[in-house]
């Protein structure tokens, strides 16, 4: 099996795992009785307000495109979304395991989806980028654009939280911590994101020197 074929297979498996995790999570949420929102449609729709789910969607969507037509996607938009998918899923895994893992009380299928969306897909996403790339798709301009998605998510979360009282994670809960502490928390996450973005770009350049040009 050539590296190109293996890469497409890896990306396809990653996209499938993401889809399974999100679909099962929706069913778990629909059949649950706990949570901020009481009505089933609201609970299920609220799943997509979580950074974890949006990160998985970014990763799964870009991996699906790479699995189907790996040589076609060279635009700045795709390159930004690809970097977002890898970085956001890495941040998801890091923040969950360092900060949030002790706050969960899960059972049944919720344990399975939690493992998929916070551990398995981050590993698949990061390892997939390290092993299969594609290379030469990130630069400092792409890094700059990549911060837009996290900022939009934060703005959406804070505005929606002001109206509904719901905040998806403790560290962005303005009701408990106030805007000052929340913004400081988000600044720390943003610094982690930018450090990963810079490291990814430098590593990509080094790895690209040892790899054939991808067309």
N, C-alpha and C. Protein backbone atom coordinates (compact mmCIF):
# COMPACT_ATOMS: atom_id res chain seq x y z
N UNK A 1 0.85 -1.20 0.00
CA UNK A 1 0.00 0.00 0.00
C UNK A 1 0.88 1.25 0.00
N UNK A 2 0.68 2.16 -0.96
CA UNK A 2 1.45 3.39 -1.02
C UNK A 2 1.02 4.34 0.10
N UNK A 3 1.89 5.33 0.37
CA UNK A 3 1.57 6.28 1.42
C UNK A 3 0.31 7.07 1.08
N UNK A 4 0.12 7.38 -0.22
CA UNK A 4 -1.07 8.12 -0.63
C UNK A 4 -2.35 7.34 -0.34
N UNK A 5 -2.33 6.05 -0.68
CA UNK A 5 -3.50 5.21 -0.42
C UNK A 5 -3.72 5.05 1.07
N UNK A 6 -2.63 4.84 1.81
CA UNK A 6 -2.74 4.71 3.26
C UNK A 6 -3.29 5.98 3.89
N UNK A 7 -2.84 7.13 3.36
CA UNK A 7 -3.33 8.41 3.86
C UNK A 7 -4.83 8.58 3.63
N UNK A 8 -5.27 8.24 2.44
CA UNK A 8 -6.71 8.35 2.15
C UNK A 8 -7.51 7.43 3.06
N UNK A 9 -6.98 6.24 3.31
CA UNK A 9 -7.66 5.30 4.20
C UNK A 9 -7.72 5.88 5.62
N UNK A 10 -6.61 6.46 6.08
CA UNK A 10 -6.57 7.04 7.43
C UNK A 10 -7.58 8.18 7.55
N UNK A 11 -7.59 9.06 6.54
CA UNK A 11 -8.52 10.18 6.58
C UNK A 11 -9.98 9.68 6.54
N UNK A 12 -10.23 8.64 5.75
CA UNK A 12 -11.57 8.09 5.68
C UNK A 12 -12.01 7.50 7.01
N UNK A 13 -11.12 6.77 7.65
CA UNK A 13 -11.43 6.19 8.96
C UNK A 13 -11.67 7.30 9.99
N UNK A 14 -10.83 8.34 9.95
CA UNK A 14 -11.00 9.46 10.88
C UNK A 14 -12.37 10.12 10.71
N UNK A 15 -12.76 10.38 9.46
CA UNK A 15 -14.06 10.98 9.19
C UNK A 15 -15.19 10.09 9.69
N UNK A 16 -15.05 8.77 9.49
CA UNK A 16 -16.08 7.83 9.94
C UNK A 16 -16.19 7.80 11.46
N UNK A 17 -15.04 7.81 12.14
CA UNK A 17 -15.05 7.80 13.61
C UNK A 17 -15.70 9.07 14.15
N UNK A 18 -15.38 10.21 13.54
CA UNK A 18 -16.01 11.47 13.94
C UNK A 18 -17.52 11.38 13.77
N UNK A 19 -17.97 10.89 12.62
CA UNK A 19 -19.41 10.79 12.35
C UNK A 19 -20.10 9.88 13.37
N UNK A 20 -19.48 8.74 13.67
CA UNK A 20 -20.05 7.80 14.64
C UNK A 20 -20.15 8.47 16.01
N UNK A 21 -19.07 9.14 16.42
CA UNK A 21 -19.08 9.78 17.73
C UNK A 21 -20.17 10.83 17.86
N UNK A 22 -20.33 11.68 16.83
CA UNK A 22 -21.32 12.75 16.91
C UNK A 22 -22.74 12.20 16.84
N UNK A 23 -22.98 11.23 15.96
CA UNK A 23 -24.33 10.65 15.84
C UNK A 23 -24.74 9.96 17.14
N UNK A 24 -23.84 9.17 17.70
CA UNK A 24 -24.16 8.48 18.96
C UNK A 24 -24.36 9.50 20.08
N UNK A 25 -23.55 10.56 20.09
CA UNK A 25 -23.73 11.59 21.11
C UNK A 25 -25.11 12.25 21.00
N UNK A 26 -25.58 12.46 19.80
CA UNK A 26 -26.92 13.04 19.62
C UNK A 26 -28.00 12.11 20.17
N UNK A 27 -27.85 10.81 19.93
CA UNK A 27 -28.82 9.85 20.47
C UNK A 27 -28.75 9.79 21.99
N UNK A 28 -27.54 9.82 22.54
CA UNK A 28 -27.37 9.81 23.99
C UNK A 28 -28.04 11.03 24.60
N UNK A 29 -27.83 12.19 23.98
CA UNK A 29 -28.42 13.43 24.49
C UNK A 29 -29.94 13.41 24.35
N UNK A 30 -30.44 12.90 23.22
CA UNK A 30 -31.89 12.84 23.00
C UNK A 30 -32.58 11.95 24.02
N UNK A 31 -31.90 10.88 24.43
CA UNK A 31 -32.51 9.92 25.37
C UNK A 31 -32.20 10.24 26.83
N UNK A 32 -31.43 11.30 27.06
CA UNK A 32 -31.07 11.67 28.42
C UNK A 32 -32.16 12.49 29.09
N UNK A 33 -32.04 12.63 30.38
CA UNK A 33 -33.01 13.41 31.15
C UNK A 33 -32.35 14.56 31.89
N UNK A 34 -31.02 14.61 31.81
CA UNK A 34 -30.30 15.67 32.50
C UNK A 34 -29.82 16.71 31.50
N UNK A 35 -29.46 17.85 32.01
CA UNK A 35 -28.95 18.90 31.14
C UNK A 35 -29.67 20.22 31.35
N UNK A 36 -29.12 21.26 30.79
CA UNK A 36 -29.66 22.60 30.97
C UNK A 36 -31.01 22.76 30.29
N UNK A 37 -31.13 22.21 29.08
CA UNK A 37 -32.37 22.32 28.31
C UNK A 37 -33.23 21.08 28.52
N UNK A 38 -34.51 21.27 28.68
CA UNK A 38 -35.41 20.18 29.03
C UNK A 38 -36.03 19.49 27.82
N UNK A 39 -36.28 20.24 26.75
CA UNK A 39 -36.92 19.66 25.57
C UNK A 39 -35.89 18.96 24.70
N UNK A 40 -36.29 17.82 24.12
CA UNK A 40 -35.34 17.01 23.35
C UNK A 40 -34.74 17.76 22.16
N UNK A 41 -35.52 18.44 21.34
CA UNK A 41 -34.89 19.16 20.20
C UNK A 41 -33.85 20.17 20.66
N UNK A 42 -34.15 20.89 21.73
CA UNK A 42 -33.19 21.88 22.23
C UNK A 42 -31.93 21.21 22.74
N UNK A 43 -32.08 20.09 23.45
CA UNK A 43 -30.91 19.38 23.97
C UNK A 43 -30.01 18.90 22.84
N UNK A 44 -30.63 18.33 21.79
CA UNK A 44 -29.84 17.80 20.68
C UNK A 44 -29.15 18.92 19.91
N UNK A 45 -29.88 19.99 19.63
CA UNK A 45 -29.27 21.12 18.93
C UNK A 45 -28.14 21.74 19.75
N UNK A 46 -28.30 21.73 21.06
CA UNK A 46 -27.28 22.32 21.92
C UNK A 46 -25.97 21.55 21.88
N UNK A 47 -26.01 20.28 21.47
CA UNK A 47 -24.78 19.50 21.31
C UNK A 47 -23.79 20.24 20.42
N UNK A 48 -24.31 20.91 19.38
CA UNK A 48 -23.45 21.55 18.38
C UNK A 48 -22.91 22.90 18.84
N UNK A 49 -23.27 23.32 20.06
CA UNK A 49 -22.71 24.54 20.62
C UNK A 49 -21.37 24.28 21.30
N UNK A 50 -21.02 23.01 21.50
CA UNK A 50 -19.79 22.67 22.20
C UNK A 50 -18.59 22.75 21.25
N UNK A 51 -17.50 23.31 21.74
CA UNK A 51 -16.28 23.41 20.96
C UNK A 51 -15.79 22.02 20.55
N UNK A 52 -15.99 21.05 21.42
CA UNK A 52 -15.61 19.67 21.10
C UNK A 52 -16.27 19.18 19.83
N UNK A 53 -17.57 19.41 19.72
CA UNK A 53 -18.32 18.93 18.56
C UNK A 53 -17.91 19.70 17.31
N UNK A 54 -17.78 21.01 17.42
CA UNK A 54 -17.39 21.79 16.26
C UNK A 54 -15.97 21.45 15.79
N UNK A 55 -15.08 21.18 16.74
CA UNK A 55 -13.73 20.75 16.37
C UNK A 55 -13.76 19.42 15.64
N UNK A 56 -14.57 18.51 16.13
CA UNK A 56 -14.70 17.22 15.46
C UNK A 56 -15.29 17.36 14.07
N UNK A 57 -16.27 18.26 13.92
CA UNK A 57 -16.86 18.50 12.60
C UNK A 57 -15.82 19.06 11.63
N UNK A 58 -15.01 20.00 12.09
CA UNK A 58 -13.94 20.54 11.24
C UNK A 58 -12.96 19.44 10.83
N UNK A 59 -12.55 18.64 11.80
CA UNK A 59 -11.62 17.56 11.50
C UNK A 59 -12.25 16.55 10.55
N UNK A 60 -13.46 16.10 10.88
CA UNK A 60 -14.11 15.08 10.06
C UNK A 60 -14.40 15.55 8.65
N UNK A 61 -14.86 16.81 8.51
CA UNK A 61 -15.17 17.33 7.18
C UNK A 61 -13.94 17.45 6.29
N UNK A 62 -12.86 18.00 6.84
CA UNK A 62 -11.64 18.14 6.03
C UNK A 62 -11.01 16.79 5.73
N UNK A 63 -11.08 15.86 6.68
CA UNK A 63 -10.54 14.52 6.43
C UNK A 63 -11.35 13.79 5.35
N UNK A 64 -12.67 14.00 5.35
CA UNK A 64 -13.50 13.38 4.33
C UNK A 64 -13.12 13.88 2.95
N UNK A 65 -12.90 15.18 2.83
CA UNK A 65 -12.49 15.74 1.54
C UNK A 65 -11.13 15.21 1.10
N UNK A 66 -10.22 15.07 2.04
CA UNK A 66 -8.90 14.52 1.71
C UNK A 66 -8.98 13.04 1.33
N UNK A 67 -9.91 12.33 1.93
CA UNK A 67 -10.08 10.91 1.60
C UNK A 67 -10.66 10.75 0.20
N UNK A 68 -11.55 11.65 -0.19
CA UNK A 68 -12.23 11.52 -1.48
C UNK A 68 -11.37 12.05 -2.64
N UNK A 69 -10.81 13.24 -2.46
CA UNK A 69 -10.02 13.87 -3.53
C UNK A 69 -8.83 14.60 -2.91
N UNK A 70 -7.79 13.87 -2.53
CA UNK A 70 -6.68 14.47 -1.77
C UNK A 70 -5.89 15.52 -2.52
N UNK A 71 -5.88 15.50 -3.84
CA UNK A 71 -5.05 16.42 -4.62
C UNK A 71 -5.78 17.70 -5.04
N UNK A 72 -7.06 17.77 -4.72
CA UNK A 72 -7.85 18.89 -5.23
C UNK A 72 -7.84 20.09 -4.29
N UNK A 73 -7.66 19.86 -3.02
CA UNK A 73 -7.94 20.90 -2.03
C UNK A 73 -6.68 21.68 -1.70
N UNK A 74 -6.49 22.81 -2.40
CA UNK A 74 -5.30 23.64 -2.22
C UNK A 74 -5.64 25.09 -1.90
N UNK A 75 -6.91 25.44 -1.83
CA UNK A 75 -7.28 26.84 -1.62
C UNK A 75 -6.92 27.29 -0.20
N UNK A 76 -6.82 28.60 -0.03
CA UNK A 76 -6.52 29.15 1.29
C UNK A 76 -7.62 28.82 2.30
N UNK A 77 -8.86 28.80 1.82
CA UNK A 77 -9.98 28.47 2.72
C UNK A 77 -9.83 27.04 3.24
N UNK A 78 -9.58 26.11 2.34
CA UNK A 78 -9.44 24.72 2.79
C UNK A 78 -8.22 24.56 3.69
N UNK A 79 -7.11 25.19 3.32
CA UNK A 79 -5.89 25.08 4.13
C UNK A 79 -6.12 25.62 5.53
N UNK A 80 -6.89 26.71 5.64
CA UNK A 80 -7.22 27.26 6.96
C UNK A 80 -8.10 26.30 7.74
N UNK A 81 -9.12 25.74 7.08
CA UNK A 81 -10.01 24.81 7.76
C UNK A 81 -9.29 23.53 8.16
N UNK A 82 -8.36 23.08 7.32
CA UNK A 82 -7.57 21.90 7.66
C UNK A 82 -6.72 22.15 8.90
N UNK A 83 -6.06 23.31 8.94
CA UNK A 83 -5.27 23.65 10.12
C UNK A 83 -6.16 23.80 11.34
N UNK A 84 -7.32 24.44 11.17
CA UNK A 84 -8.27 24.57 12.26
C UNK A 84 -8.69 23.20 12.80
N UNK A 85 -8.99 22.28 11.88
CA UNK A 85 -9.42 20.96 12.31
C UNK A 85 -8.37 20.28 13.17
N UNK A 86 -7.12 20.33 12.74
CA UNK A 86 -6.04 19.67 13.49
C UNK A 86 -5.78 20.38 14.82
N UNK A 87 -5.68 21.71 14.78
CA UNK A 87 -5.37 22.46 15.99
C UNK A 87 -6.51 22.43 17.00
N UNK A 88 -7.73 22.62 16.52
CA UNK A 88 -8.87 22.65 17.44
C UNK A 88 -9.10 21.29 18.10
N UNK A 89 -8.88 20.22 17.35
CA UNK A 89 -9.06 18.90 17.96
C UNK A 89 -7.94 18.62 18.94
N UNK A 90 -6.73 19.14 18.66
CA UNK A 90 -5.62 19.00 19.61
C UNK A 90 -5.92 19.76 20.90
N UNK A 91 -6.41 21.01 20.76
CA UNK A 91 -6.78 21.80 21.94
C UNK A 91 -7.90 21.12 22.71
N UNK A 92 -8.86 20.55 21.99
CA UNK A 92 -9.95 19.82 22.64
C UNK A 92 -9.40 18.71 23.53
N UNK A 93 -8.51 17.90 22.97
CA UNK A 93 -7.95 16.79 23.75
C UNK A 93 -7.13 17.27 24.93
N UNK A 94 -6.29 18.29 24.70
CA UNK A 94 -5.42 18.79 25.77
C UNK A 94 -6.23 19.41 26.91
N UNK A 95 -7.14 20.32 26.56
CA UNK A 95 -7.92 21.01 27.60
C UNK A 95 -8.82 20.03 28.34
N UNK A 96 -9.41 19.08 27.61
CA UNK A 96 -10.29 18.12 28.30
C UNK A 96 -9.50 17.32 29.32
N UNK A 97 -8.38 16.74 28.90
CA UNK A 97 -7.65 15.85 29.80
C UNK A 97 -6.92 16.59 30.91
N UNK A 98 -6.56 17.85 30.69
CA UNK A 98 -5.87 18.60 31.73
C UNK A 98 -6.82 19.35 32.67
N UNK A 99 -7.98 19.75 32.16
CA UNK A 99 -8.85 20.65 32.93
C UNK A 99 -10.23 20.06 33.22
N UNK A 100 -10.84 19.42 32.23
CA UNK A 100 -12.27 19.10 32.32
C UNK A 100 -12.60 17.66 32.67
N UNK A 101 -11.66 16.73 32.55
CA UNK A 101 -11.99 15.31 32.68
C UNK A 101 -12.55 14.96 34.06
N UNK A 102 -12.13 15.67 35.08
CA UNK A 102 -12.61 15.36 36.43
C UNK A 102 -13.99 15.90 36.72
N UNK A 103 -14.57 16.67 35.80
CA UNK A 103 -15.88 17.27 36.05
C UNK A 103 -17.03 16.41 35.53
N UNK A 104 -16.72 15.30 34.85
CA UNK A 104 -17.76 14.46 34.24
C UNK A 104 -18.18 13.31 35.14
N UNK A 105 -19.47 13.01 35.12
CA UNK A 105 -20.00 11.80 35.75
C UNK A 105 -20.80 11.08 34.68
N UNK A 106 -20.16 10.15 33.98
CA UNK A 106 -20.75 9.53 32.80
C UNK A 106 -21.01 8.05 33.03
N UNK A 107 -21.94 7.54 32.23
CA UNK A 107 -22.23 6.10 32.28
C UNK A 107 -22.76 5.67 30.92
N UNK A 108 -22.72 4.36 30.67
CA UNK A 108 -23.29 3.80 29.45
C UNK A 108 -22.60 4.33 28.20
N UNK A 109 -23.43 4.63 27.19
CA UNK A 109 -22.91 5.08 25.91
C UNK A 109 -22.24 6.44 25.99
N UNK A 110 -22.57 7.21 27.01
CA UNK A 110 -21.92 8.51 27.18
C UNK A 110 -20.42 8.35 27.41
N UNK A 111 -20.02 7.27 28.05
CA UNK A 111 -18.60 6.99 28.26
C UNK A 111 -17.93 6.73 26.91
N UNK A 112 -18.63 6.01 26.04
CA UNK A 112 -18.08 5.67 24.72
C UNK A 112 -17.91 6.94 23.88
N UNK A 113 -18.93 7.76 23.82
CA UNK A 113 -18.83 8.98 23.00
C UNK A 113 -17.79 9.93 23.56
N UNK A 114 -17.71 10.00 24.88
CA UNK A 114 -16.69 10.84 25.50
C UNK A 114 -15.30 10.40 25.10
N UNK A 115 -15.06 9.09 25.10
CA UNK A 115 -13.76 8.55 24.69
C UNK A 115 -13.48 8.85 23.22
N UNK A 116 -14.50 8.68 22.38
CA UNK A 116 -14.31 8.94 20.94
C UNK A 116 -13.98 10.39 20.67
N UNK A 117 -14.80 11.30 21.22
CA UNK A 117 -14.72 12.72 20.84
C UNK A 117 -13.62 13.49 21.56
N UNK A 118 -13.16 13.00 22.71
CA UNK A 118 -12.13 13.72 23.45
C UNK A 118 -10.76 13.05 23.42
N UNK A 119 -10.72 11.79 23.02
CA UNK A 119 -9.44 11.07 23.04
C UNK A 119 -9.10 10.45 21.69
N UNK A 120 -10.02 9.67 21.14
CA UNK A 120 -9.71 8.94 19.90
C UNK A 120 -9.56 9.89 18.71
N UNK A 121 -10.52 10.78 18.51
CA UNK A 121 -10.40 11.67 17.34
C UNK A 121 -9.23 12.65 17.47
N UNK A 122 -8.89 13.18 18.65
CA UNK A 122 -7.66 13.97 18.73
C UNK A 122 -6.42 13.18 18.34
N UNK A 123 -6.34 11.92 18.77
CA UNK A 123 -5.19 11.10 18.39
C UNK A 123 -5.17 10.84 16.89
N UNK A 124 -6.33 10.48 16.32
CA UNK A 124 -6.39 10.24 14.88
C UNK A 124 -6.06 11.51 14.09
N UNK A 125 -6.58 12.64 14.54
CA UNK A 125 -6.36 13.90 13.82
C UNK A 125 -4.91 14.32 13.84
N UNK A 126 -4.29 14.30 15.01
CA UNK A 126 -2.90 14.76 15.12
C UNK A 126 -1.95 13.76 14.46
N UNK A 127 -2.13 12.47 14.71
CA UNK A 127 -1.27 11.47 14.08
C UNK A 127 -1.44 11.48 12.56
N UNK A 128 -2.66 11.68 12.09
CA UNK A 128 -2.91 11.74 10.65
C UNK A 128 -2.16 12.88 10.01
N UNK A 129 -2.16 14.04 10.69
CA UNK A 129 -1.41 15.18 10.14
C UNK A 129 0.09 14.92 10.16
N UNK A 130 0.58 14.36 11.26
CA UNK A 130 2.01 14.09 11.37
C UNK A 130 2.50 13.09 10.33
N UNK A 131 1.71 12.05 10.09
CA UNK A 131 2.16 10.97 9.20
C UNK A 131 1.86 11.27 7.73
N UNK A 132 0.67 11.80 7.48
CA UNK A 132 0.21 11.93 6.09
C UNK A 132 0.04 13.37 5.61
N UNK A 133 0.16 14.34 6.50
CA UNK A 133 0.04 15.74 6.07
C UNK A 133 -1.39 16.12 5.70
N UNK A 134 -1.56 16.66 4.49
CA UNK A 134 -0.54 16.95 3.48
C UNK A 134 0.37 18.10 3.90
N UNK A 135 1.58 18.08 3.37
CA UNK A 135 2.60 19.06 3.70
C UNK A 135 2.43 20.33 2.86
N UNK A 136 3.14 21.38 3.30
CA UNK A 136 3.18 22.67 2.61
C UNK A 136 1.80 23.32 2.47
N UNK A 137 0.94 23.10 3.45
CA UNK A 137 -0.38 23.72 3.38
C UNK A 137 -0.61 24.76 4.48
N UNK A 138 0.43 25.06 5.24
CA UNK A 138 0.27 26.09 6.25
C UNK A 138 1.43 27.08 6.18
N UNK A 139 1.11 28.34 6.48
CA UNK A 139 2.12 29.39 6.56
C UNK A 139 1.59 30.42 7.57
N UNK A 140 2.32 31.52 7.72
CA UNK A 140 1.93 32.47 8.76
C UNK A 140 0.62 33.17 8.45
N UNK A 141 0.29 33.33 7.18
CA UNK A 141 -1.01 33.91 6.83
C UNK A 141 -2.14 32.95 7.22
N UNK A 142 -1.96 31.67 6.95
CA UNK A 142 -2.96 30.67 7.33
C UNK A 142 -3.10 30.61 8.84
N UNK A 143 -1.97 30.73 9.56
CA UNK A 143 -2.02 30.76 11.03
C UNK A 143 -2.88 31.92 11.50
N UNK A 144 -2.70 33.10 10.88
CA UNK A 144 -3.50 34.25 11.25
C UNK A 144 -4.98 34.03 11.03
N UNK A 145 -5.34 33.47 9.89
CA UNK A 145 -6.74 33.19 9.61
C UNK A 145 -7.31 32.12 10.54
N UNK A 146 -6.47 31.22 11.00
CA UNK A 146 -6.96 30.09 11.81
C UNK A 146 -7.52 30.52 13.16
N UNK A 147 -7.13 31.72 13.63
CA UNK A 147 -7.62 32.17 14.92
C UNK A 147 -9.05 32.70 14.83
N UNK A 148 -9.53 32.93 13.60
CA UNK A 148 -10.87 33.49 13.42
C UNK A 148 -11.94 32.56 13.97
N UNK A 149 -11.84 31.26 13.66
CA UNK A 149 -12.88 30.33 14.12
C UNK A 149 -13.00 30.29 15.64
N UNK A 150 -11.91 30.11 16.40
CA UNK A 150 -12.06 30.13 17.86
C UNK A 150 -12.64 31.43 18.40
N UNK A 151 -12.27 32.57 17.79
CA UNK A 151 -12.82 33.84 18.25
C UNK A 151 -14.32 33.93 17.97
N UNK A 152 -14.74 33.43 16.81
CA UNK A 152 -16.17 33.42 16.50
C UNK A 152 -16.93 32.52 17.46
N UNK A 153 -16.34 31.36 17.78
CA UNK A 153 -16.99 30.46 18.73
C UNK A 153 -17.13 31.13 20.09
N UNK A 154 -16.08 31.82 20.54
CA UNK A 154 -16.14 32.50 21.84
C UNK A 154 -17.20 33.59 21.84
N UNK A 155 -17.23 34.39 20.78
CA UNK A 155 -18.23 35.46 20.71
C UNK A 155 -19.64 34.89 20.73
N UNK A 156 -19.86 33.84 19.93
CA UNK A 156 -21.17 33.19 19.90
C UNK A 156 -21.54 32.65 21.29
N UNK A 157 -20.58 32.01 21.95
CA UNK A 157 -20.85 31.40 23.25
C UNK A 157 -21.21 32.44 24.30
N UNK A 158 -20.47 33.55 24.31
CA UNK A 158 -20.73 34.59 25.31
C UNK A 158 -22.05 35.32 25.05
N UNK A 159 -22.33 35.62 23.78
CA UNK A 159 -23.59 36.29 23.45
C UNK A 159 -24.78 35.37 23.74
N UNK A 160 -24.68 34.12 23.32
CA UNK A 160 -25.76 33.16 23.58
C UNK A 160 -25.93 32.91 25.08
N UNK A 161 -24.81 32.81 25.78
CA UNK A 161 -24.88 32.58 27.22
C UNK A 161 -25.55 33.72 27.95
N UNK A 162 -25.32 34.95 27.50
CA UNK A 162 -25.97 36.11 28.11
C UNK A 162 -27.48 36.04 27.97
N UNK A 163 -27.93 35.46 26.84
CA UNK A 163 -29.36 35.37 26.61
C UNK A 163 -30.02 34.16 27.24
N UNK A 164 -29.31 33.03 27.26
CA UNK A 164 -29.91 31.77 27.74
C UNK A 164 -29.44 31.36 29.14
N UNK A 165 -28.29 31.86 29.56
CA UNK A 165 -27.72 31.42 30.83
C UNK A 165 -26.91 30.14 30.71
N UNK A 166 -26.78 29.61 29.49
CA UNK A 166 -26.04 28.36 29.29
C UNK A 166 -24.63 28.63 28.79
N UNK A 167 -23.66 28.03 29.44
CA UNK A 167 -22.26 28.07 29.01
C UNK A 167 -21.75 26.64 28.95
N UNK A 168 -21.18 26.23 27.82
CA UNK A 168 -20.86 24.81 27.63
C UNK A 168 -19.73 24.28 28.50
N UNK A 169 -18.87 25.17 29.00
CA UNK A 169 -17.74 24.73 29.81
C UNK A 169 -17.59 25.63 31.03
N UNK A 170 -17.12 25.07 32.15
CA UNK A 170 -16.96 25.89 33.36
C UNK A 170 -16.06 27.11 33.17
N UNK A 171 -15.00 26.98 32.37
CA UNK A 171 -14.05 28.08 32.26
C UNK A 171 -14.57 29.25 31.43
N UNK A 172 -15.73 29.09 30.75
CA UNK A 172 -16.35 30.23 30.05
C UNK A 172 -17.68 30.63 30.69
N UNK A 173 -17.93 30.16 31.91
CA UNK A 173 -19.18 30.45 32.59
C UNK A 173 -19.09 31.83 33.26
N UNK A 174 -19.64 32.82 32.59
CA UNK A 174 -19.59 34.19 33.10
C UNK A 174 -20.38 34.33 34.39
N UNK A 175 -21.45 33.56 34.54
CA UNK A 175 -22.27 33.65 35.74
C UNK A 175 -21.47 33.27 36.98
N UNK A 176 -20.56 32.32 36.85
CA UNK A 176 -19.75 31.87 37.99
C UNK A 176 -18.47 32.68 38.17
N UNK A 177 -17.84 33.06 37.06
CA UNK A 177 -16.49 33.65 37.15
C UNK A 177 -16.41 35.12 36.78
N UNK A 178 -17.41 35.65 36.10
CA UNK A 178 -17.34 37.03 35.63
C UNK A 178 -16.55 37.13 34.33
N UNK A 179 -16.74 38.22 33.62
CA UNK A 179 -16.12 38.38 32.31
C UNK A 179 -14.59 38.46 32.39
N UNK A 180 -14.08 39.09 33.44
CA UNK A 180 -12.63 39.23 33.56
C UNK A 180 -11.94 37.88 33.61
N UNK A 181 -12.40 36.99 34.49
CA UNK A 181 -11.77 35.68 34.62
C UNK A 181 -12.00 34.84 33.38
N UNK A 182 -13.19 34.92 32.81
CA UNK A 182 -13.49 34.14 31.60
C UNK A 182 -12.58 34.56 30.45
N UNK A 183 -12.42 35.87 30.27
CA UNK A 183 -11.55 36.35 29.19
C UNK A 183 -10.10 35.95 29.43
N UNK A 184 -9.68 35.95 30.70
CA UNK A 184 -8.32 35.49 31.02
C UNK A 184 -8.17 34.00 30.70
N UNK A 185 -9.18 33.22 31.07
CA UNK A 185 -9.15 31.80 30.74
C UNK A 185 -9.04 31.57 29.24
N UNK A 186 -9.84 32.33 28.49
CA UNK A 186 -9.83 32.19 27.03
C UNK A 186 -8.51 32.66 26.43
N UNK A 187 -7.90 33.67 27.06
CA UNK A 187 -6.59 34.13 26.59
C UNK A 187 -5.56 33.02 26.72
N UNK A 188 -5.60 32.29 27.82
CA UNK A 188 -4.66 31.18 28.02
C UNK A 188 -4.87 30.10 26.96
N UNK A 189 -6.13 29.80 26.66
CA UNK A 189 -6.43 28.81 25.62
C UNK A 189 -5.97 29.32 24.26
N UNK A 190 -6.18 30.63 24.01
CA UNK A 190 -5.75 31.23 22.74
C UNK A 190 -4.24 31.16 22.59
N UNK A 191 -3.51 31.39 23.68
CA UNK A 191 -2.05 31.29 23.63
C UNK A 191 -1.61 29.86 23.33
N UNK A 192 -2.31 28.88 23.92
CA UNK A 192 -2.04 27.48 23.61
C UNK A 192 -2.30 27.22 22.13
N UNK A 193 -3.40 27.74 21.61
CA UNK A 193 -3.76 27.55 20.21
C UNK A 193 -2.69 28.15 19.30
N UNK A 194 -2.27 29.38 19.59
CA UNK A 194 -1.27 30.04 18.75
C UNK A 194 0.09 29.36 18.84
N UNK A 195 0.43 28.87 20.03
CA UNK A 195 1.69 28.14 20.17
C UNK A 195 1.66 26.87 19.33
N UNK A 196 0.53 26.16 19.35
CA UNK A 196 0.40 24.96 18.53
C UNK A 196 0.44 25.31 17.04
N UNK A 197 -0.21 26.43 16.67
CA UNK A 197 -0.22 26.85 15.27
C UNK A 197 1.18 27.18 14.79
N UNK A 198 1.94 27.92 15.60
CA UNK A 198 3.30 28.26 15.23
C UNK A 198 4.17 27.01 15.15
N UNK A 199 4.03 26.14 16.14
CA UNK A 199 4.81 24.90 16.14
C UNK A 199 4.47 24.02 14.95
N UNK A 200 3.18 23.97 14.61
CA UNK A 200 2.74 23.19 13.47
C UNK A 200 3.36 23.71 12.17
N UNK A 201 3.38 25.03 12.02
CA UNK A 201 3.93 25.63 10.80
C UNK A 201 5.43 25.36 10.67
N UNK A 202 6.15 25.52 11.77
CA UNK A 202 7.59 25.27 11.73
C UNK A 202 7.89 23.79 11.47
N UNK A 203 7.11 22.93 12.12
CA UNK A 203 7.31 21.49 11.91
C UNK A 203 6.96 21.09 10.49
N UNK A 204 5.89 21.69 9.94
CA UNK A 204 5.50 21.40 8.57
C UNK A 204 6.61 21.76 7.60
N UNK A 205 7.24 22.92 7.81
CA UNK A 205 8.34 23.33 6.92
C UNK A 205 9.50 22.34 6.99
N UNK A 206 9.83 21.91 8.20
CA UNK A 206 10.94 20.98 8.34
C UNK A 206 10.62 19.63 7.69
N UNK A 207 9.40 19.15 7.92
CA UNK A 207 9.01 17.86 7.35
C UNK A 207 8.87 17.96 5.84
N UNK A 208 8.45 19.13 5.34
CA UNK A 208 8.28 19.30 3.89
C UNK A 208 9.61 19.22 3.16
N UNK A 209 10.70 19.60 3.82
CA UNK A 209 12.02 19.55 3.18
C UNK A 209 12.43 18.10 2.89
N UNK A 210 11.85 17.17 3.64
CA UNK A 210 12.23 15.77 3.47
C UNK A 210 11.18 14.99 2.65
N UNK A 211 10.13 15.69 2.21
CA UNK A 211 9.06 15.02 1.49
C UNK A 211 8.98 15.55 0.06
N UNK A 212 8.52 14.74 -0.89
CA UNK A 212 8.32 15.22 -2.26
C UNK A 212 7.20 16.26 -2.30
N UNK A 213 7.27 17.16 -3.25
CA UNK A 213 6.23 18.19 -3.38
C UNK A 213 4.90 17.54 -3.71
N UNK A 214 3.84 17.92 -2.97
CA UNK A 214 2.51 17.33 -3.19
C UNK A 214 1.72 18.22 -4.13
N UNK A 215 1.21 17.61 -5.18
CA UNK A 215 0.40 18.34 -6.15
C UNK A 215 -1.01 17.78 -6.18
